Amino acid sequence: MKTLDFQSTKREELIEITREVSVDLPKTSSGICILFTQHTTCGLTINENADPDVKHDILLFLKNTIPQYYEGFKHFEHNSDAHIKSSLMGSSLTVPFENGKLLLGRWQGIYLCEFDGARERKVIVKTLVEE
């Protein structure tokens, strides 16, 4: 098991972490890679990593659908939107791997979804090897 550290630079952003997750995968085994973030205002997702407009569009849709200052939110930190967006994205992912390579689709990448930055974030990575 390892912990990866990331530093977001904006309140909301999608940070591709595919390379960092892949670095220490066993080169001669297959199995699954489990990712988990212990934070309540960021999440994890898999989506297209070829066209940066996709990241923009995801963030725009979430921002417009769940604005930071929504009438009726009671949480005093003014980040209820970040908690909701995090819940929608989820806090964990499971990805199969083989011979040191994540079995992602051609256009897929793994993203840390920041909704309350800029902050330091941690992602726990656990690999389970097939025997």
N, C-alpha and C. Protein backbone atom coordinates (compact mmCIF):
# COMPACT_ATOMS: atom_id res chain seq x y z
N MET A 1 0.85 -1.17 0.00
CA MET A 1 0.00 0.00 0.00
C MET A 1 0.89 1.23 0.00
N LYS A 2 0.46 2.25 -0.72
CA LYS A 2 1.21 3.51 -0.73
C LYS A 2 0.22 4.67 -0.71
N THR A 3 0.72 5.82 -0.32
CA THR A 3 -0.07 7.05 -0.32
C THR A 3 0.57 8.04 -1.27
N LEU A 4 -0.23 8.55 -2.19
CA LEU A 4 0.23 9.56 -3.14
C LEU A 4 -0.24 10.93 -2.67
N ASP A 5 0.63 11.92 -2.75
CA ASP A 5 0.30 13.29 -2.36
C ASP A 5 0.16 14.16 -3.60
N PHE A 6 -0.88 14.99 -3.59
CA PHE A 6 -1.13 15.92 -4.70
C PHE A 6 -1.45 17.29 -4.13
N GLN A 7 -1.09 18.32 -4.85
CA GLN A 7 -1.39 19.69 -4.47
C GLN A 7 -2.27 20.31 -5.54
N SER A 8 -3.51 20.63 -5.18
CA SER A 8 -4.38 21.33 -6.12
C SER A 8 -4.03 22.81 -6.09
N THR A 9 -4.36 23.50 -7.18
CA THR A 9 -4.02 24.92 -7.27
C THR A 9 -5.25 25.81 -7.45
N LYS A 10 -6.41 25.19 -7.64
CA LYS A 10 -7.65 25.95 -7.86
C LYS A 10 -8.74 25.39 -6.94
N ARG A 11 -9.81 26.14 -6.77
CA ARG A 11 -10.92 25.65 -5.96
C ARG A 11 -11.50 24.38 -6.57
N GLU A 12 -11.67 24.38 -7.89
CA GLU A 12 -12.21 23.21 -8.57
C GLU A 12 -11.32 22.88 -9.76
N GLU A 13 -10.88 21.63 -9.79
CA GLU A 13 -10.06 21.18 -10.92
C GLU A 13 -10.03 19.66 -10.95
N LEU A 14 -9.76 19.13 -12.13
CA LEU A 14 -9.54 17.70 -12.30
C LEU A 14 -8.06 17.50 -12.59
N ILE A 15 -7.39 16.74 -11.74
CA ILE A 15 -5.96 16.51 -11.85
C ILE A 15 -5.74 15.06 -12.27
N GLU A 16 -5.14 14.87 -13.46
CA GLU A 16 -4.90 13.50 -13.90
C GLU A 16 -3.77 12.88 -13.07
N ILE A 17 -4.04 11.69 -12.52
CA ILE A 17 -3.08 11.02 -11.65
C ILE A 17 -2.73 9.63 -12.16
N THR A 18 -3.07 9.32 -13.40
CA THR A 18 -2.86 7.99 -13.96
C THR A 18 -1.41 7.55 -13.85
N ARG A 19 -0.48 8.40 -14.26
CA ARG A 19 0.94 8.05 -14.26
C ARG A 19 1.42 7.72 -12.84
N GLU A 20 1.05 8.57 -11.87
CA GLU A 20 1.49 8.35 -10.50
C GLU A 20 0.94 7.05 -9.92
N VAL A 21 -0.28 6.70 -10.29
CA VAL A 21 -0.89 5.45 -9.82
C VAL A 21 -0.18 4.25 -10.44
N SER A 22 0.23 4.37 -11.70
CA SER A 22 0.82 3.25 -12.45
C SER A 22 2.26 2.92 -12.08
N VAL A 23 2.99 3.87 -11.55
CA VAL A 23 4.44 3.75 -11.38
C VAL A 23 4.89 2.45 -10.72
N ASP A 24 4.29 2.05 -9.65
CA ASP A 24 4.79 0.91 -8.88
C ASP A 24 3.96 -0.37 -9.06
N LEU A 25 3.18 -0.46 -10.11
CA LEU A 25 2.42 -1.68 -10.32
C LEU A 25 3.37 -2.83 -10.63
N PRO A 26 3.09 -4.04 -10.12
CA PRO A 26 3.96 -5.19 -10.40
C PRO A 26 4.07 -5.45 -11.90
N LYS A 27 5.30 -5.59 -12.40
CA LYS A 27 5.54 -5.71 -13.84
C LYS A 27 5.24 -7.09 -14.41
N THR A 28 5.15 -8.10 -13.57
CA THR A 28 4.96 -9.47 -14.08
C THR A 28 3.71 -10.13 -13.49
N SER A 29 2.79 -9.33 -12.99
CA SER A 29 1.58 -9.87 -12.37
C SER A 29 0.35 -9.16 -12.90
N SER A 30 -0.78 -9.75 -12.59
CA SER A 30 -2.05 -9.08 -12.86
C SER A 30 -2.84 -9.03 -11.57
N GLY A 31 -3.82 -8.13 -11.53
CA GLY A 31 -4.63 -7.99 -10.33
C GLY A 31 -5.50 -6.76 -10.43
N ILE A 32 -5.80 -6.18 -9.27
CA ILE A 32 -6.59 -4.96 -9.24
C ILE A 32 -5.87 -3.91 -8.40
N CYS A 33 -6.12 -2.68 -8.78
CA CYS A 33 -5.57 -1.52 -8.09
C CYS A 33 -6.76 -0.77 -7.49
N ILE A 34 -6.73 -0.59 -6.19
CA ILE A 34 -7.80 0.10 -5.49
C ILE A 34 -7.29 1.46 -5.06
N LEU A 35 -8.04 2.51 -5.38
CA LEU A 35 -7.69 3.87 -5.00
C LEU A 35 -8.75 4.41 -4.07
N PHE A 36 -8.32 5.17 -3.06
CA PHE A 36 -9.25 5.73 -2.09
C PHE A 36 -8.73 7.06 -1.59
N THR A 37 -9.60 8.04 -1.50
CA THR A 37 -9.24 9.32 -0.90
C THR A 37 -10.02 9.50 0.39
N GLN A 38 -9.34 9.95 1.44
CA GLN A 38 -9.95 10.11 2.76
C GLN A 38 -10.58 11.48 2.95
N HIS A 39 -10.67 12.26 1.89
CA HIS A 39 -11.19 13.62 1.98
C HIS A 39 -12.68 13.66 1.62
N THR A 40 -13.40 14.60 2.21
CA THR A 40 -14.85 14.70 1.96
C THR A 40 -15.22 15.78 0.96
N THR A 41 -14.22 16.50 0.44
CA THR A 41 -14.53 17.54 -0.55
C THR A 41 -13.73 17.35 -1.85
N CYS A 42 -13.26 16.14 -2.07
CA CYS A 42 -12.68 15.79 -3.37
C CYS A 42 -13.09 14.36 -3.66
N GLY A 43 -12.92 13.95 -4.90
CA GLY A 43 -13.32 12.61 -5.29
C GLY A 43 -12.36 12.04 -6.31
N LEU A 44 -12.73 10.89 -6.85
CA LEU A 44 -11.96 10.21 -7.88
C LEU A 44 -12.89 9.80 -9.01
N THR A 45 -12.39 9.87 -10.23
CA THR A 45 -13.18 9.42 -11.37
C THR A 45 -12.27 8.97 -12.49
N ILE A 46 -12.83 8.22 -13.42
CA ILE A 46 -12.16 7.84 -14.65
C ILE A 46 -12.92 8.50 -15.78
N ASN A 47 -12.19 9.20 -16.66
CA ASN A 47 -12.84 9.83 -17.80
C ASN A 47 -11.82 10.09 -18.89
N GLU A 48 -12.25 10.73 -19.94
CA GLU A 48 -11.38 10.98 -21.09
C GLU A 48 -10.19 11.85 -20.72
N ASN A 49 -9.02 11.45 -21.23
CA ASN A 49 -7.81 12.23 -20.95
C ASN A 49 -7.17 12.78 -22.22
N ALA A 50 -7.87 12.74 -23.35
CA ALA A 50 -7.29 13.22 -24.60
C ALA A 50 -7.65 14.68 -24.88
N ASP A 51 -8.88 15.05 -24.64
CA ASP A 51 -9.35 16.40 -24.95
C ASP A 51 -9.60 17.16 -23.66
N PRO A 52 -8.84 18.21 -23.37
CA PRO A 52 -9.02 18.97 -22.12
C PRO A 52 -10.39 19.64 -22.00
N ASP A 53 -11.10 19.77 -23.10
CA ASP A 53 -12.44 20.34 -23.03
C ASP A 53 -13.39 19.48 -22.20
N VAL A 54 -13.13 18.17 -22.13
CA VAL A 54 -13.98 17.28 -21.33
C VAL A 54 -13.88 17.67 -19.86
N LYS A 55 -12.66 17.89 -19.35
CA LYS A 55 -12.50 18.32 -17.96
C LYS A 55 -13.23 19.64 -17.73
N HIS A 56 -13.07 20.56 -18.63
CA HIS A 56 -13.74 21.86 -18.53
C HIS A 56 -15.25 21.68 -18.45
N ASP A 57 -15.79 20.85 -19.35
CA ASP A 57 -17.24 20.67 -19.41
C ASP A 57 -17.79 19.99 -18.16
N ILE A 58 -17.07 19.02 -17.63
CA ILE A 58 -17.50 18.36 -16.39
C ILE A 58 -17.57 19.37 -15.26
N LEU A 59 -16.50 20.14 -15.10
CA LEU A 59 -16.46 21.13 -14.02
C LEU A 59 -17.52 22.21 -14.21
N LEU A 60 -17.73 22.65 -15.43
CA LEU A 60 -18.75 23.67 -15.71
C LEU A 60 -20.14 23.15 -15.36
N PHE A 61 -20.43 21.93 -15.77
CA PHE A 61 -21.75 21.36 -15.48
C PHE A 61 -21.97 21.23 -13.97
N LEU A 62 -20.98 20.72 -13.26
CA LEU A 62 -21.13 20.57 -11.81
C LEU A 62 -21.27 21.92 -11.12
N LYS A 63 -20.49 22.90 -11.56
CA LYS A 63 -20.54 24.24 -10.96
C LYS A 63 -21.90 24.89 -11.19
N ASN A 64 -22.45 24.73 -12.38
CA ASN A 64 -23.76 25.31 -12.69
C ASN A 64 -24.90 24.56 -12.01
N THR A 65 -24.75 23.26 -11.88
CA THR A 65 -25.80 22.43 -11.27
C THR A 65 -25.80 22.55 -9.75
N ILE A 66 -24.61 22.65 -9.17
CA ILE A 66 -24.46 22.72 -7.71
C ILE A 66 -23.55 23.91 -7.39
N PRO A 67 -24.08 25.12 -7.36
CA PRO A 67 -23.25 26.30 -7.10
C PRO A 67 -22.79 26.35 -5.64
N GLN A 68 -21.67 27.03 -5.43
CA GLN A 68 -21.12 27.14 -4.07
C GLN A 68 -22.09 27.85 -3.13
N TYR A 69 -22.66 28.93 -3.58
CA TYR A 69 -23.57 29.71 -2.73
C TYR A 69 -25.01 29.44 -3.19
N TYR A 70 -25.60 28.40 -2.66
CA TYR A 70 -26.95 27.98 -3.01
C TYR A 70 -27.88 28.35 -1.86
N GLU A 71 -28.95 29.01 -2.18
CA GLU A 71 -29.90 29.43 -1.15
C GLU A 71 -30.39 28.22 -0.36
N GLY A 72 -30.22 28.27 0.93
CA GLY A 72 -30.66 27.17 1.78
C GLY A 72 -29.54 26.34 2.36
N PHE A 73 -28.34 26.38 1.75
CA PHE A 73 -27.22 25.66 2.35
C PHE A 73 -26.95 26.23 3.73
N LYS A 74 -26.75 25.37 4.73
CA LYS A 74 -26.53 25.82 6.10
C LYS A 74 -25.09 25.69 6.58
N HIS A 75 -24.31 24.84 5.93
CA HIS A 75 -22.94 24.59 6.39
C HIS A 75 -22.13 25.88 6.38
N PHE A 76 -21.58 26.24 7.53
CA PHE A 76 -20.96 27.56 7.70
C PHE A 76 -19.67 27.75 6.92
N GLU A 77 -19.04 26.67 6.45
CA GLU A 77 -17.78 26.80 5.71
C GLU A 77 -17.99 27.15 4.23
N HIS A 78 -19.23 27.21 3.80
CA HIS A 78 -19.58 27.54 2.41
C HIS A 78 -18.94 26.57 1.42
N ASN A 79 -18.88 25.30 1.81
CA ASN A 79 -18.38 24.31 0.88
C ASN A 79 -19.30 23.09 0.78
N SER A 80 -20.58 23.32 1.06
CA SER A 80 -21.55 22.23 0.91
C SER A 80 -21.55 21.69 -0.51
N ASP A 81 -21.37 22.59 -1.48
CA ASP A 81 -21.32 22.15 -2.87
C ASP A 81 -20.20 21.14 -3.09
N ALA A 82 -19.05 21.37 -2.45
CA ALA A 82 -17.91 20.47 -2.59
C ALA A 82 -18.21 19.09 -2.01
N HIS A 83 -18.91 19.05 -0.88
CA HIS A 83 -19.30 17.77 -0.28
C HIS A 83 -20.24 17.01 -1.20
N ILE A 84 -21.18 17.70 -1.81
CA ILE A 84 -22.15 17.05 -2.71
C ILE A 84 -21.44 16.53 -3.96
N LYS A 85 -20.59 17.36 -4.56
CA LYS A 85 -19.86 16.94 -5.76
C LYS A 85 -18.96 15.75 -5.47
N SER A 86 -18.32 15.75 -4.31
CA SER A 86 -17.47 14.63 -3.91
C SER A 86 -18.29 13.35 -3.79
N SER A 87 -19.49 13.46 -3.20
CA SER A 87 -20.35 12.29 -3.08
C SER A 87 -20.78 11.76 -4.44
N LEU A 88 -21.04 12.67 -5.37
CA LEU A 88 -21.44 12.25 -6.71
C LEU A 88 -20.30 11.54 -7.44
N MET A 89 -19.09 12.03 -7.31
CA MET A 89 -17.93 11.41 -7.97
C MET A 89 -17.52 10.11 -7.28
N GLY A 90 -17.58 10.10 -5.97
CA GLY A 90 -17.16 8.93 -5.21
C GLY A 90 -15.76 9.09 -4.66
N SER A 91 -15.45 8.31 -3.64
CA SER A 91 -14.15 8.41 -2.97
C SER A 91 -13.21 7.27 -3.31
N SER A 92 -13.65 6.33 -4.17
CA SER A 92 -12.78 5.20 -4.49
C SER A 92 -12.99 4.72 -5.92
N LEU A 93 -11.97 4.03 -6.42
CA LEU A 93 -12.01 3.41 -7.75
C LEU A 93 -11.32 2.05 -7.66
N THR A 94 -11.72 1.14 -8.53
CA THR A 94 -11.04 -0.14 -8.67
C THR A 94 -10.72 -0.31 -10.15
N VAL A 95 -9.44 -0.55 -10.46
CA VAL A 95 -9.00 -0.67 -11.84
C VAL A 95 -8.15 -1.94 -11.97
N PRO A 96 -8.47 -2.82 -12.93
CA PRO A 96 -7.61 -3.98 -13.14
C PRO A 96 -6.29 -3.57 -13.79
N PHE A 97 -5.25 -4.39 -13.56
CA PHE A 97 -3.96 -4.16 -14.21
C PHE A 97 -3.35 -5.49 -14.62
N GLU A 98 -2.44 -5.41 -15.58
CA GLU A 98 -1.73 -6.59 -16.04
C GLU A 98 -0.33 -6.18 -16.48
N ASN A 99 0.67 -6.93 -16.00
CA ASN A 99 2.07 -6.68 -16.37
C ASN A 99 2.46 -5.21 -16.23
N GLY A 100 2.10 -4.61 -15.11
CA GLY A 100 2.50 -3.24 -14.81
C GLY A 100 1.70 -2.16 -15.50
N LYS A 101 0.61 -2.53 -16.16
CA LYS A 101 -0.17 -1.55 -16.91
C LYS A 101 -1.64 -1.59 -16.49
N LEU A 102 -2.17 -0.41 -16.16
CA LEU A 102 -3.60 -0.32 -15.86
C LEU A 102 -4.39 -0.65 -17.11
N LEU A 103 -5.46 -1.41 -16.98
CA LEU A 103 -6.25 -1.81 -18.13
C LEU A 103 -7.36 -0.80 -18.40
N LEU A 104 -6.93 0.44 -18.59
CA LEU A 104 -7.85 1.52 -18.93
C LEU A 104 -8.09 1.52 -20.43
N GLY A 105 -9.21 2.09 -20.84
CA GLY A 105 -9.50 2.23 -22.25
C GLY A 105 -8.56 3.25 -22.89
N ARG A 106 -8.57 3.26 -24.21
CA ARG A 106 -7.65 4.10 -24.99
C ARG A 106 -7.66 5.57 -24.56
N TRP A 107 -8.81 6.11 -24.26
CA TRP A 107 -8.94 7.54 -23.95
C TRP A 107 -9.16 7.80 -22.46
N GLN A 108 -9.01 6.78 -21.61
CA GLN A 108 -9.32 6.93 -20.20
C GLN A 108 -8.11 7.34 -19.36
N GLY A 109 -8.37 8.17 -18.36
CA GLY A 109 -7.38 8.54 -17.37
C GLY A 109 -8.04 8.60 -16.01
N ILE A 110 -7.24 8.51 -14.97
CA ILE A 110 -7.73 8.59 -13.59
C ILE A 110 -7.54 10.02 -13.12
N TYR A 111 -8.60 10.57 -12.50
CA TYR A 111 -8.56 11.96 -12.05
C TYR A 111 -8.89 12.09 -10.57
N LEU A 112 -8.11 12.93 -9.91
CA LEU A 112 -8.47 13.45 -8.60
C LEU A 112 -9.36 14.66 -8.87
N CYS A 113 -10.54 14.69 -8.30
CA CYS A 113 -11.51 15.75 -8.53
C CYS A 113 -11.51 16.69 -7.33
N GLU A 114 -10.90 17.84 -7.50
CA GLU A 114 -10.82 18.82 -6.42
C GLU A 114 -12.03 19.74 -6.49
N PHE A 115 -12.72 19.89 -5.35
CA PHE A 115 -13.89 20.76 -5.29
C PHE A 115 -13.81 21.81 -4.18
N ASP A 116 -12.70 21.84 -3.43
CA ASP A 116 -12.57 22.78 -2.32
C ASP A 116 -11.11 23.17 -2.10
N GLY A 117 -10.42 23.46 -3.20
CA GLY A 117 -8.99 23.77 -3.13
C GLY A 117 -8.75 25.25 -3.00
N ALA A 118 -7.54 25.61 -3.05
CA ALA A 118 -6.35 24.78 -3.25
C ALA A 118 -5.96 24.10 -1.94
N ARG A 119 -5.60 22.82 -2.07
CA ARG A 119 -5.28 22.01 -0.88
C ARG A 119 -4.32 20.89 -1.23
N GLU A 120 -3.69 20.34 -0.19
CA GLU A 120 -2.94 19.11 -0.35
C GLU A 120 -3.92 17.95 -0.21
N ARG A 121 -3.81 16.99 -1.10
CA ARG A 121 -4.71 15.83 -1.09
C ARG A 121 -3.89 14.55 -1.10
N LYS A 122 -4.47 13.51 -0.54
CA LYS A 122 -3.82 12.21 -0.49
C LYS A 122 -4.73 11.16 -1.13
N VAL A 123 -4.11 10.25 -1.86
CA VAL A 123 -4.83 9.12 -2.44
C VAL A 123 -4.10 7.85 -2.01
N ILE A 124 -4.82 6.96 -1.36
CA ILE A 124 -4.26 5.67 -0.94
C ILE A 124 -4.41 4.71 -2.10
N VAL A 125 -3.33 3.98 -2.42
CA VAL A 125 -3.32 3.02 -3.51
C VAL A 125 -2.95 1.66 -2.95
N LYS A 126 -3.80 0.67 -3.19
CA LYS A 126 -3.56 -0.69 -2.73
C LYS A 126 -3.67 -1.62 -3.94
N THR A 127 -2.68 -2.46 -4.16
CA THR A 127 -2.75 -3.42 -5.26
C THR A 127 -2.95 -4.82 -4.68
N LEU A 128 -3.84 -5.54 -5.30
CA LEU A 128 -4.09 -6.94 -4.96
C LEU A 128 -3.66 -7.77 -6.17
N VAL A 129 -2.71 -8.66 -5.97
CA VAL A 129 -2.13 -9.43 -7.07
C VAL A 129 -2.81 -10.80 -7.16
N GLU A 130 -3.10 -11.21 -8.37
CA GLU A 130 -3.69 -12.52 -8.65
C GLU A 130 -2.63 -13.59 -8.41
N GLU A 131 -3.03 -14.67 -7.77
CA GLU A 131 -2.04 -15.74 -7.51
C GLU A 131 -2.35 -16.97 -8.30
